[in-house]
Protein backbone atom coordinates (compact mmCIF):
# COMPACT_ATOMS: atom_id res chain seq x y z
CA MET A 1 -100.07 24.90 105.73
CA SER A 2 -97.31 25.72 103.16
CA PHE A 3 -96.61 29.13 104.70
CA LEU A 4 -95.81 27.44 108.02
CA LYS A 5 -93.37 25.11 106.34
CA ASN A 6 -91.63 28.10 104.81
CA ILE A 7 -91.43 29.95 108.11
CA PHE A 8 -90.24 27.02 110.20
CA SER A 9 -87.69 25.68 107.72
CA LYS A 10 -85.49 28.80 107.56
CA ASN A 11 -81.79 28.25 108.16
CA ASN A 12 -81.87 30.35 111.36
CA VAL A 13 -84.67 28.32 112.98
CA ASP A 14 -83.12 26.72 116.02
CA VAL A 15 -84.20 23.66 117.92
CA LYS A 16 -86.58 25.59 120.20
CA LEU A 17 -88.32 27.19 117.25
CA ALA A 18 -88.72 23.80 115.61
CA GLU A 19 -90.06 22.38 118.88
CA ALA A 20 -92.62 25.17 119.14
CA ALA A 21 -93.60 24.62 115.55
CA GLU A 22 -94.29 20.95 116.19
CA LEU A 23 -96.37 21.79 119.26
CA TYR A 24 -98.36 24.27 117.16
CA LYS A 25 -98.91 21.73 114.41
CA SER A 26 -100.16 19.18 116.94
CA LYS A 27 -102.58 21.90 118.25
CA ASP A 28 -100.96 22.03 121.68
CA TYR A 29 -101.17 25.81 121.59
CA ALA A 30 -100.62 26.43 125.29
CA LYS A 31 -97.23 24.67 125.31
CA ALA A 32 -96.28 26.23 121.98
CA ILE A 33 -96.95 29.66 123.49
CA GLU A 34 -94.68 28.81 126.45
CA VAL A 35 -91.81 27.96 124.09
CA TYR A 36 -92.38 31.07 121.99
CA ASN A 37 -92.47 33.19 125.15
CA GLY A 38 -89.04 31.85 126.07
CA LEU A 39 -87.62 32.68 122.67
CA LEU A 40 -89.14 36.18 122.68
CA SER A 41 -87.86 36.90 126.17
CA GLU A 42 -84.35 36.53 124.70
CA ASP A 43 -85.11 38.39 121.45
CA GLU A 44 -88.42 40.26 121.24
CA ASN A 45 -87.87 40.83 117.52
CA GLU A 46 -87.56 37.15 116.61
CA LEU A 47 -90.09 37.27 113.77
CA SER A 48 -90.64 33.54 113.44
CA ALA A 49 -91.36 33.22 117.16
CA LEU A 50 -93.60 36.29 117.12
CA TYR A 51 -95.54 34.98 114.17
CA GLY A 52 -95.78 31.47 115.61
CA ARG A 53 -97.04 32.83 118.92
CA GLY A 54 -99.61 34.99 117.12
CA LEU A 55 -100.87 31.90 115.31
CA SER A 56 -101.05 29.95 118.56
CA PHE A 57 -102.96 32.72 120.25
CA PHE A 58 -105.33 32.96 117.26
CA TYR A 59 -106.20 29.26 117.20
CA SER A 60 -106.52 29.12 120.98
CA LEU A 61 -109.13 31.92 120.51
CA ASP A 62 -107.10 34.53 122.39
CA HIS A 63 -107.61 37.06 119.63
CA VAL A 64 -106.58 40.06 121.73
CA SER A 65 -103.08 38.65 122.26
CA ALA A 66 -102.93 37.45 118.66
CA ARG A 67 -103.75 40.96 117.42
CA THR A 68 -100.92 42.40 119.55
CA ASP A 69 -98.38 40.02 118.05
CA PHE A 70 -99.58 40.45 114.46
CA GLU A 71 -99.67 44.25 114.74
CA LYS A 72 -96.08 44.20 116.07
CA LEU A 73 -95.10 42.19 113.00
CA LEU A 74 -96.45 44.95 110.76
CA LYS A 75 -93.38 47.02 111.70
CA PHE A 76 -91.32 44.55 109.70
CA LYS A 77 -93.29 44.85 106.44
CA ALA A 78 -90.58 43.50 104.18
CA ASP A 79 -90.04 40.33 106.19
CA ILE A 80 -93.50 39.21 107.31
CA PRO A 81 -95.76 36.64 105.59
CA ALA A 82 -98.87 37.93 103.81
CA TYR A 83 -101.03 35.85 106.13
CA VAL A 84 -100.40 38.35 108.92
CA TYR A 85 -102.92 40.59 107.12
CA TYR A 86 -105.28 37.63 106.78
CA PHE A 87 -105.34 36.94 110.50
CA LEU A 88 -105.66 40.61 111.41
CA SER A 89 -108.58 40.83 109.02
CA ARG A 90 -110.19 37.75 110.57
CA ILE A 91 -109.75 39.14 114.09
CA SER A 92 -111.27 42.48 113.06
CA PHE A 93 -114.10 40.67 111.26
CA ASN A 94 -114.90 38.60 114.34
CA SER A 95 -115.01 41.74 116.49
CA LYS A 96 -117.28 43.41 113.89
CA ASP A 97 -114.74 46.08 113.01
CA PHE A 98 -115.54 45.71 109.34
CA GLU A 99 -113.66 48.81 108.21
CA ALA A 100 -110.38 47.44 109.62
CA ALA A 101 -111.23 43.95 108.37
CA GLN A 102 -111.66 45.28 104.84
CA LYS A 103 -108.38 47.24 104.96
CA TYR A 104 -106.39 44.21 106.14
CA ALA A 105 -108.06 41.95 103.57
CA GLU A 106 -107.12 44.38 100.80
CA ASP A 107 -103.54 44.41 102.13
CA PHE A 108 -103.59 40.61 102.01
CA ILE A 109 -104.59 40.75 98.34
CA LYS A 110 -101.79 43.26 97.57
CA ASN A 111 -99.25 40.89 99.12
CA ASP A 112 -100.71 37.62 97.81
CA GLY A 113 -102.95 38.38 94.85
CA GLU A 114 -103.09 34.80 93.61
CA ASN A 115 -104.35 33.36 96.87
CA PRO A 116 -108.09 32.51 96.63
CA GLU A 117 -108.44 32.90 100.41
CA SER A 118 -107.63 36.61 100.13
CA TYR A 119 -110.55 37.24 97.78
CA PHE A 120 -112.87 34.94 99.72
CA LEU A 121 -112.15 36.78 102.97
CA LEU A 122 -112.92 40.12 101.33
CA ALA A 123 -116.09 38.59 99.84
CA GLU A 124 -117.24 37.54 103.31
CA ILE A 125 -116.76 41.10 104.56
CA GLN A 126 -118.69 42.58 101.63
CA SER A 127 -121.48 40.07 102.24
CA VAL A 128 -121.89 41.19 105.86
CA LEU A 129 -121.92 44.80 104.65
CA LYS A 130 -124.70 43.79 102.23
CA LYS A 131 -122.63 44.81 99.21
CA HIS A 132 -123.98 41.95 97.15
CA LYS A 133 -122.66 42.85 93.71
CA GLU A 134 -119.13 43.22 95.10
CA THR A 135 -119.53 39.91 96.94
CA ILE A 136 -120.48 38.12 93.72
CA GLU A 137 -117.54 39.61 91.79
CA LEU A 138 -115.10 38.51 94.50
CA CYS A 139 -116.56 35.00 94.65
CA GLU A 140 -116.16 34.72 90.89
CA LYS A 141 -112.45 35.59 91.31
CA VAL A 142 -112.14 32.94 94.02
CA VAL A 143 -113.49 30.12 91.84
CA LYS A 144 -111.27 31.17 88.94
CA LEU A 145 -108.31 30.56 91.24
CA LYS A 146 -109.83 27.54 92.99
CA ALA A 147 -112.68 25.97 91.06
CA ASP A 148 -113.58 23.47 93.77
CA LYS A 149 -114.10 25.96 96.60
CA ALA A 150 -117.75 25.21 97.39
CA GLU A 151 -117.94 27.94 100.05
CA ALA A 152 -117.40 30.60 97.37
CA TYR A 153 -120.28 29.27 95.27
CA ILE A 154 -122.51 29.23 98.37
CA LEU A 155 -121.55 32.78 99.38
CA GLY A 156 -122.11 34.05 95.85
CA ALA A 157 -125.48 32.30 95.75
CA LYS A 158 -126.51 34.01 99.01
CA SER A 159 -125.90 37.43 97.45
CA ARG A 160 -127.74 36.44 94.29
CA ILE A 161 -130.70 35.40 96.46
CA GLU A 162 -130.67 38.85 98.08
CA LEU A 163 -130.66 40.40 94.60
CA GLU A 164 -133.50 38.02 93.59
CA ASP A 165 -131.37 36.52 90.82
CA TYR A 166 -132.63 33.03 91.56
CA ASN A 167 -131.61 31.38 88.29
CA LYS A 168 -127.92 32.25 88.73
CA ALA A 169 -128.10 31.40 92.45
CA LEU A 170 -129.38 27.97 91.46
CA ILE A 171 -126.47 27.53 89.02
CA ASP A 172 -123.97 28.43 91.78
CA LEU A 173 -125.56 25.98 94.22
CA ASN A 174 -125.69 23.21 91.62
CA THR A 175 -121.95 23.68 91.06
CA ALA A 176 -121.32 23.65 94.82
CA ALA A 177 -123.22 20.36 95.06
CA GLU A 178 -121.03 18.90 92.30
CA VAL A 179 -117.70 19.88 93.87
CA SER A 180 -118.74 19.18 97.49
CA PRO A 181 -121.84 16.95 97.63
CA ASN A 182 -121.79 16.56 101.41
CA ILE A 183 -122.30 20.14 102.60
CA ALA A 184 -125.76 20.51 104.14
CA GLU A 185 -125.87 24.28 103.54
CA VAL A 186 -125.71 23.74 99.77
CA TYR A 187 -129.04 21.89 99.84
CA SER A 188 -130.72 24.10 102.44
CA LYS A 189 -129.85 27.23 100.43
CA ARG A 190 -130.98 25.51 97.24
CA ALA A 191 -134.24 24.68 99.00
CA LEU A 192 -134.68 28.41 99.67
CA VAL A 193 -134.07 29.23 96.01
CA GLN A 194 -136.60 26.59 94.95
CA ILE A 195 -139.14 28.11 97.38
CA LYS A 196 -138.58 31.55 95.86
CA MET A 197 -139.12 30.04 92.40
CA GLY A 198 -142.30 28.27 93.52
CA LYS A 199 -140.82 24.77 93.08
CA PHE A 200 -141.96 23.36 96.40
CA LYS A 201 -141.48 19.64 95.69
CA ALA A 202 -137.88 20.21 94.61
CA ALA A 203 -137.39 22.50 97.63
CA GLN A 204 -138.65 19.82 100.04
CA LYS A 205 -136.33 17.28 98.43
CA ASP A 206 -133.36 19.60 99.02
CA ALA A 207 -134.40 20.34 102.61
CA ASP A 208 -134.64 16.60 103.27
CA LYS A 209 -131.19 16.08 101.71
CA ALA A 210 -129.73 18.79 103.96
CA LEU A 211 -131.20 17.04 107.02
CA GLU A 212 -129.90 13.70 105.82
CA ILE A 213 -126.37 15.17 105.82
CA ASP A 214 -126.80 17.18 109.02
CA THR A 215 -129.68 16.30 111.35
CA ASN A 216 -128.87 19.42 113.33
CA SER A 217 -129.42 21.85 110.46
CA ALA A 218 -131.78 24.42 111.94
CA GLU A 219 -131.77 26.21 108.58
CA ALA A 220 -133.08 23.11 106.79
CA TYR A 221 -135.94 22.76 109.28
CA TYR A 222 -136.71 26.47 108.83
CA PHE A 223 -136.92 26.14 105.05
CA SER A 224 -138.95 22.96 105.39
CA GLY A 225 -141.36 24.97 107.54
CA LEU A 226 -141.53 27.66 104.85
CA ILE A 227 -142.49 25.01 102.31
CA LYS A 228 -145.25 23.65 104.52
CA TRP A 229 -146.57 27.18 105.06
CA LYS A 230 -146.52 27.89 101.33
CA GLU A 231 -148.66 24.76 101.01
CA ARG A 232 -150.95 26.24 103.69
CA ASP A 233 -150.25 23.48 106.22
CA ALA A 234 -149.87 25.62 109.33
CA GLU A 235 -149.59 22.69 111.74
CA LEU A 236 -146.67 21.04 109.92
CA ALA A 237 -145.03 24.43 109.32
CA ILE A 238 -145.06 25.17 113.06
CA GLU A 239 -143.74 21.68 113.78
CA SER A 240 -140.72 22.36 111.54
CA PHE A 241 -140.19 25.80 113.03
CA ASP A 242 -140.28 24.26 116.52
CA LYS A 243 -137.47 21.86 115.53
CA ALA A 244 -135.41 24.71 114.10
CA LEU A 245 -135.76 26.67 117.34
CA ARG A 246 -134.84 23.69 119.51
CA LEU A 247 -131.57 23.55 117.58
CA ASN A 248 -131.08 27.31 117.50
CA PRO A 249 -133.10 29.19 120.16
CA LYS A 250 -131.80 32.52 118.78
CA TYR A 251 -133.01 31.96 115.20
CA PHE A 252 -134.58 35.37 114.64
CA GLU A 253 -136.16 34.68 111.24
CA VAL A 254 -137.94 31.58 112.53
CA TYR A 255 -139.64 33.51 115.32
CA LEU A 256 -140.86 36.07 112.80
CA LYS A 257 -142.23 33.48 110.41
CA ARG A 258 -143.85 31.45 113.19
CA PHE A 259 -145.37 34.73 114.42
CA GLU A 260 -146.90 35.23 110.96
CA VAL A 261 -148.25 31.67 110.83
CA LYS A 262 -149.79 31.92 114.29
CA MET A 263 -151.36 35.28 113.45
CA LYS A 264 -153.02 33.82 110.38
CA SER A 265 -154.00 30.69 112.32
CA ASP A 266 -155.92 32.75 114.89
CA ASP A 267 -153.42 32.18 117.70
CA PRO A 268 -152.67 35.75 118.83
CA ASP A 269 -151.32 34.66 122.23
CA GLY A 270 -148.81 32.32 120.59
CA ALA A 271 -147.93 35.03 118.07
CA LEU A 272 -147.30 37.46 120.93
CA GLU A 273 -144.86 35.01 122.54
CA ASP A 274 -142.92 34.74 119.27
CA ILE A 275 -142.66 38.46 118.60
CA ASN A 276 -141.53 38.92 122.22
CA GLU A 277 -138.69 36.47 121.59
CA ALA A 278 -137.77 38.19 118.34
CA ILE A 279 -137.55 41.52 120.19
CA LYS A 280 -135.28 39.97 122.84
CA ILE A 281 -132.89 38.94 120.07
CA ARG A 282 -133.03 42.26 118.22
CA PRO A 283 -134.20 44.88 120.70
CA ARG A 284 -133.61 47.77 118.28
CA SER A 285 -135.72 46.42 115.43
CA VAL A 286 -138.34 49.05 114.62
CA SER A 287 -140.47 46.68 112.52
CA ASN A 288 -140.84 44.21 115.40
CA TYR A 289 -142.18 46.84 117.79
CA LEU A 290 -144.62 47.90 115.08
CA LYS A 291 -145.78 44.31 114.64
CA ARG A 292 -146.18 43.80 118.37
CA GLY A 293 -147.96 47.12 118.77
CA LYS A 294 -150.46 46.24 116.04
CA LEU A 295 -151.04 42.82 117.64
CA LYS A 296 -151.61 44.35 121.08
CA SER A 297 -154.00 46.88 119.56
CA GLY A 298 -155.96 44.01 117.99
CA LEU A 299 -156.13 42.40 121.45
CA PHE A 300 -157.46 45.71 122.88
CA ASP A 301 -154.27 46.20 124.90
CA TYR A 302 -154.12 49.84 123.89
CA ASP A 303 -151.69 50.88 126.63
CA GLY A 304 -149.27 48.14 125.60
CA ALA A 305 -149.62 49.08 121.94
CA LEU A 306 -148.92 52.74 122.67
CA GLU A 307 -145.81 51.75 124.64
CA ASP A 308 -144.51 49.83 121.63
CA PHE A 309 -145.19 52.72 119.27
CA LYS A 310 -143.34 55.02 121.69
CA LYS A 311 -140.34 52.68 121.46
CA VAL A 312 -140.52 52.88 117.67
CA ILE A 313 -140.53 56.68 117.82
CA LYS A 314 -137.59 56.64 120.24
CA LEU A 315 -135.62 54.58 117.72
CA ASP A 316 -136.91 56.47 114.69
CA ARG A 317 -138.14 60.01 115.35
CA LYS A 318 -139.67 60.25 111.88
CA ASN A 319 -141.56 56.98 111.81
CA VAL A 320 -144.85 57.98 110.19
CA GLU A 321 -146.57 54.65 110.86
CA ALA A 322 -145.92 54.76 114.61
CA PHE A 323 -147.32 58.28 114.94
CA PHE A 324 -150.34 57.39 112.80
CA LEU A 325 -151.15 54.20 114.72
CA SER A 326 -150.75 56.06 118.02
CA GLY A 327 -153.20 58.67 116.80
CA ASP A 328 -155.67 55.98 115.79
CA ILE A 329 -155.58 54.37 119.26
CA LEU A 330 -155.80 57.71 121.09
CA ASN A 331 -158.82 58.56 118.94
CA LYS A 332 -160.50 55.30 120.01
CA LEU A 333 -159.75 56.20 123.64
CA ASN A 334 -161.41 59.61 123.08
CA LYS A 335 -158.10 61.34 123.82
CA PHE A 336 -158.72 63.70 120.94
CA LYS A 337 -156.12 66.32 121.81
CA PHE A 338 -153.26 63.81 121.80
CA ALA A 339 -154.66 61.97 118.77
CA GLU A 340 -154.70 65.24 116.81
CA GLN A 341 -151.10 65.91 117.84
CA CYS A 342 -150.07 62.52 116.44
CA PHE A 343 -151.84 63.07 113.10
CA SER A 344 -150.34 66.57 112.91
CA LYS A 345 -146.88 65.06 113.49
CA VAL A 346 -147.47 62.67 110.58
CA ILE A 347 -148.37 65.64 108.39
CA ASP A 348 -145.26 67.54 109.54
CA ILE A 349 -143.08 64.58 108.49
CA ASP A 350 -145.06 63.76 105.36
CA PRO A 351 -147.06 66.77 104.10
CA LYS A 352 -148.72 64.64 101.41
CA ASN A 353 -150.08 61.98 103.75
CA GLU A 354 -153.76 61.97 102.80
CA LYS A 355 -154.65 59.38 105.46
CA ALA A 356 -153.40 61.65 108.23
CA PHE A 357 -155.33 64.63 106.83
CA LEU A 358 -158.43 62.43 106.63
CA GLN A 359 -158.17 61.17 110.19
CA ARG A 360 -157.42 64.64 111.53
CA GLY A 361 -160.40 65.99 109.59
CA ILE A 362 -162.71 63.31 111.01
CA LEU A 363 -161.34 64.03 114.49
CA LYS A 364 -162.01 67.76 114.13
CA LEU A 365 -165.53 66.95 112.96
CA LYS A 366 -166.06 64.98 116.18
CA LYS A 367 -164.81 67.98 118.13
CA LYS A 368 -167.28 70.18 116.18
CA GLU A 369 -164.45 72.20 114.66
CA VAL A 370 -166.31 72.10 111.35
CA HIS A 371 -164.48 74.75 109.35
CA SER A 372 -161.07 73.38 110.31
CA ALA A 373 -162.30 69.86 109.50
CA ILE A 374 -163.35 71.00 106.02
CA GLU A 375 -159.86 72.44 105.45
CA ASP A 376 -158.28 69.05 106.17
CA LEU A 377 -160.85 67.18 104.07
CA CYS A 378 -160.30 69.57 101.16
CA GLU A 379 -156.58 68.77 101.43
CA VAL A 380 -157.41 65.04 101.26
CA ILE A 381 -159.34 65.57 98.02
CA LYS A 382 -156.60 67.83 96.64
CA LEU A 383 -154.08 65.04 97.23
CA ASN A 384 -156.37 62.36 95.83
CA GLU A 385 -159.49 63.23 93.86
CA GLU A 386 -160.64 59.60 94.15
CA ASN A 387 -160.60 59.51 97.94
CA HIS A 388 -164.25 58.67 98.58
CA ASP A 389 -163.92 59.04 102.35
CA GLY A 390 -162.77 62.62 101.85
CA TYR A 391 -165.98 63.48 99.98
CA TYR A 392 -168.15 61.56 102.46
CA TYR A 393 -166.85 63.30 105.57
CA ARG A 394 -166.77 66.68 103.85
CA ALA A 395 -170.43 66.13 103.02
CA LYS A 396 -171.15 65.48 106.70
CA ALA A 397 -169.24 68.63 107.64
CA LYS A 398 -171.17 70.70 105.11
CA GLU A 399 -174.42 69.30 106.52
CA LYS A 400 -173.38 70.75 109.86
CA LEU A 401 -173.17 74.13 108.14
CA ALA A 402 -176.61 73.59 106.53
CA ASP A 403 -174.98 73.74 103.09
CA THR A 404 -177.37 71.14 101.69
CA GLN A 405 -176.51 71.40 98.00
CA ALA A 406 -172.76 71.19 98.59
CA ALA A 407 -173.29 68.22 100.93
CA LEU A 408 -175.43 66.44 98.32
CA ALA A 409 -172.74 67.07 95.70
CA ASP A 410 -170.07 65.53 97.96
CA TYR A 411 -172.19 62.48 98.80
CA THR A 412 -172.69 61.97 95.07
CA LYS A 413 -168.92 62.20 94.43
CA ALA A 414 -168.32 59.69 97.21
CA LEU A 415 -170.70 57.38 95.37
CA THR A 416 -168.40 57.06 92.38
CA ASN A 417 -167.54 54.12 94.60
CA ALA A 418 -170.80 52.29 93.96
CA GLU A 419 -170.37 50.14 97.09
CA TYR A 420 -170.00 53.00 99.56
CA VAL A 421 -172.97 52.07 101.70
CA ASN A 422 -172.58 54.90 104.23
CA ALA A 423 -172.67 57.47 101.44
CA TYR A 424 -176.06 56.12 100.26
CA ILE A 425 -177.31 56.31 103.84
CA GLY A 426 -175.95 59.83 104.34
CA ARG A 427 -177.40 61.09 101.08
CA GLY A 428 -180.68 59.34 101.78
CA LYS A 429 -181.03 61.06 105.16
CA LEU A 430 -180.17 64.42 103.63
CA LYS A 431 -182.80 63.94 100.91
CA PHE A 432 -185.32 62.86 103.54
CA ASN A 433 -184.64 66.02 105.53
CA SER A 434 -185.06 68.00 102.29
CA GLU A 435 -188.46 66.29 101.82
CA ASP A 436 -187.29 64.50 98.66
CA TYR A 437 -188.77 61.25 99.96
CA HIS A 438 -188.80 59.38 96.66
CA SER A 439 -185.05 59.88 96.16
CA ALA A 440 -184.47 59.00 99.82
CA VAL A 441 -186.26 55.66 99.30
CA ASN A 442 -184.00 54.95 96.32
CA ASP A 443 -180.82 55.67 98.28
CA PHE A 444 -181.91 53.58 101.26
CA SER A 445 -182.81 50.74 98.89
CA LYS A 446 -179.31 50.86 97.34
CA ALA A 447 -177.79 50.84 100.82
CA LEU A 448 -179.85 47.77 101.74
CA LYS A 449 -178.59 45.88 98.69
CA LEU A 450 -175.09 46.31 100.12
CA LYS A 451 -176.07 45.94 103.78
CA PRO A 452 -179.21 43.76 103.86
CA LEU A 453 -181.52 43.82 106.88
CA ASP A 454 -179.77 46.74 108.60
CA PRO A 455 -182.51 47.78 111.08
CA SER A 456 -181.64 51.51 111.11
CA VAL A 457 -181.69 51.73 107.28
CA LEU A 458 -184.92 49.74 107.10
CA TYR A 459 -186.41 52.13 109.63
CA MET A 460 -185.33 55.18 107.61
CA ARG A 461 -186.73 53.71 104.40
CA GLY A 462 -189.91 52.91 106.27
CA LEU A 463 -190.21 56.56 107.29
CA ALA A 464 -189.60 57.70 103.72
CA ASN A 465 -192.21 55.24 102.41
CA LEU A 466 -194.63 56.48 105.04
CA LYS A 467 -194.08 60.07 103.88
CA GLU A 468 -194.65 58.91 100.29
CA THR A 469 -197.88 57.19 101.48
CA ASN A 470 -196.45 53.84 100.48
CA ASP A 471 -198.03 52.50 103.67
CA ALA A 472 -197.81 48.78 102.87
CA ASP A 473 -194.11 49.11 101.98
CA ALA A 474 -193.58 51.09 105.18
CA VAL A 475 -195.18 48.28 107.24
CA ASP A 476 -192.86 45.76 105.55
CA ASP A 477 -189.79 47.89 106.31
CA PHE A 478 -190.73 48.45 109.97
CA THR A 479 -191.53 44.74 110.36
CA LEU A 480 -188.08 43.75 109.07
CA ALA A 481 -186.45 46.37 111.25
CA ILE A 482 -188.21 44.97 114.33
CA LYS A 483 -187.29 41.42 113.32
CA ASN A 484 -183.61 42.42 113.33
CA LYS A 485 -183.84 44.63 116.44
CA ALA A 486 -186.42 43.43 118.92
CA ASN A 487 -186.44 46.44 121.24
CA PHE A 488 -187.03 49.04 118.57
CA ALA A 489 -189.74 51.25 120.08
CA GLU A 490 -189.56 53.84 117.29
CA ALA A 491 -190.22 51.18 114.65
CA PHE A 492 -193.23 49.86 116.58
CA PHE A 493 -194.59 53.39 116.88
CA GLN A 494 -194.19 54.18 113.18
CA ARG A 495 -195.56 50.78 112.12
CA GLY A 496 -198.59 51.63 114.21
CA ASN A 497 -198.98 54.82 112.19
CA ALA A 498 -198.65 52.91 108.90
CA CYS A 499 -201.18 50.29 110.02
CA PHE A 500 -203.62 53.05 110.99
CA SER A 501 -203.30 54.53 107.47
CA LEU A 502 -204.10 51.05 106.10
CA ARG A 503 -207.10 50.87 108.45
CA GLN A 504 -205.54 47.97 110.33
CA TYR A 505 -206.68 49.52 113.59
CA GLN A 506 -206.10 46.62 115.96
CA ASN A 507 -202.59 46.11 114.61
CA ALA A 508 -201.95 49.83 115.05
CA ILE A 509 -203.17 49.70 118.66
CA ASN A 510 -200.96 46.67 119.41
CA ASP A 511 -197.87 48.41 117.98
CA TRP A 512 -198.48 51.65 119.85
CA LYS A 513 -198.91 49.75 123.11
CA GLU A 514 -195.64 47.90 122.48
CA ALA A 515 -193.86 51.19 121.73
CA GLU A 516 -195.25 52.63 124.95
CA LYS A 517 -194.17 49.55 126.87
CA GLN A 518 -190.61 49.77 125.55
CA GLN A 519 -190.34 53.53 125.94
CA PRO A 520 -192.85 55.22 128.25
CA LYS A 521 -192.04 58.56 126.61
CA PHE A 522 -194.40 57.55 123.77
CA LYS A 523 -197.38 57.43 126.15
CA ALA A 524 -198.31 61.06 125.60
CA LYS A 525 -198.71 60.38 121.89
CA THR A 526 -200.04 56.83 121.95
CA GLU A 527 -202.94 57.49 124.37
CA LYS A 528 -204.58 59.86 121.90
CA LEU A 529 -203.77 57.65 118.90
CA ILE A 530 -205.11 54.51 120.58
CA ALA A 531 -208.32 56.32 121.55
CA LYS A 532 -208.70 57.47 117.94
CA ALA A 533 -208.12 53.94 116.59
CA GLU A 534 -210.54 52.35 119.06
CA LYS A 535 -213.36 54.48 117.64
CA HIS A 536 -212.93 52.59 114.36
CA LEU A 537 -213.24 49.15 115.94
């Protein structure tokens, strides 16, 4: 390095200093430190020895001792080389003291503003701090001073990728490939850009080139796996991810992506293993606990899911999703009090969360707190006039209050979503109970177009047809209901009634006997009906 030559060629550099310098240059840092120690024991303010020892400590990775020497040099501002700030910045950067690293890097620039390394160091710090625009500006200064510094093009491209400026990122990486064609990272990062741009063949070519240069490039295997997954080849994607993780067992992003692939490939156990590993690497990542909690919930491990959501809330006291998902699970477990508390917490954090109002309203309806349920459901509709569930459940609540007309109006509003099958069923039942059997048949028929062969809907339509004296249609409905639900005593009983109306007396008797067989409670009714039918035989 030129700065070393300047330091070690001063007129006052004695034989020992020159000896230490040679040991340093030959990377025998331990012996160099011994010589510098001797010099400094005689004169603790010998700047050349202090600087040389700081360098030796730095490159022998004893950064604590290096920092001590470099900080002592700062007392002699007028006489120290600018690189003292560089090394102090590097030491601070490595210890993740980015504030100090930035200050020392800026001091380096003040003392050596034409040195590309000063701007590159500051660019690295800005990159870690996710200040991508500043990173790009600094990298542009670097390449103006040193046009062949490939690392600056790569670093700038990384920030452009984060800003989704893929065209300029590609230009930077193309330039990096021209000035330094044998850096694997150039091609792996260019593969990523090509993936983002949907150019998968070009991306695979770059990933292969990266692996040709460096067979141990975990990043290249990762991006190759991304390409395979984009092409919907889960098996090859996982194979590439496996190779990346063998090379780098702490590759967080690979675990997350392999988790996603396994989830979509119906391998929840494998997915659980991957998200567990991701959490080990980043134990304070809220999103990972959410993902694992959702997965556990899907596997019916509700206790495990709730534990994960609790961890989310511990890390983020205002995490709406964790409270909402906890409420959903507690509702399924019939722990209504705690479920309501969770939904209420969501509403406290986000007073316009219509989903939380809806779920709390449904929960209150289950608890028969009808008036309070209606208040929540009204709030849902106030927040979103197109929330069909809000109208549907408010209709059910109004039914509980025997407010038939208001309930009918809400069912009808819910049916602005023409595929809301439950709303047709709900309105059909309400019309049936209001003795509007013709309209009930129409609603049940619309429900069956959306949910064919549903035995309960067929049964209800059969009842409505029976009330309308559409006896043959009623028989057809009850027959289909029985076909789709073998032990359906009520359907057998009502089909018996329809057959009797059609004068199919033996069929009626057979159905009533089957109803009685399935549910003995029908015996009181069927004995009289069978006796009546037998008189016609």
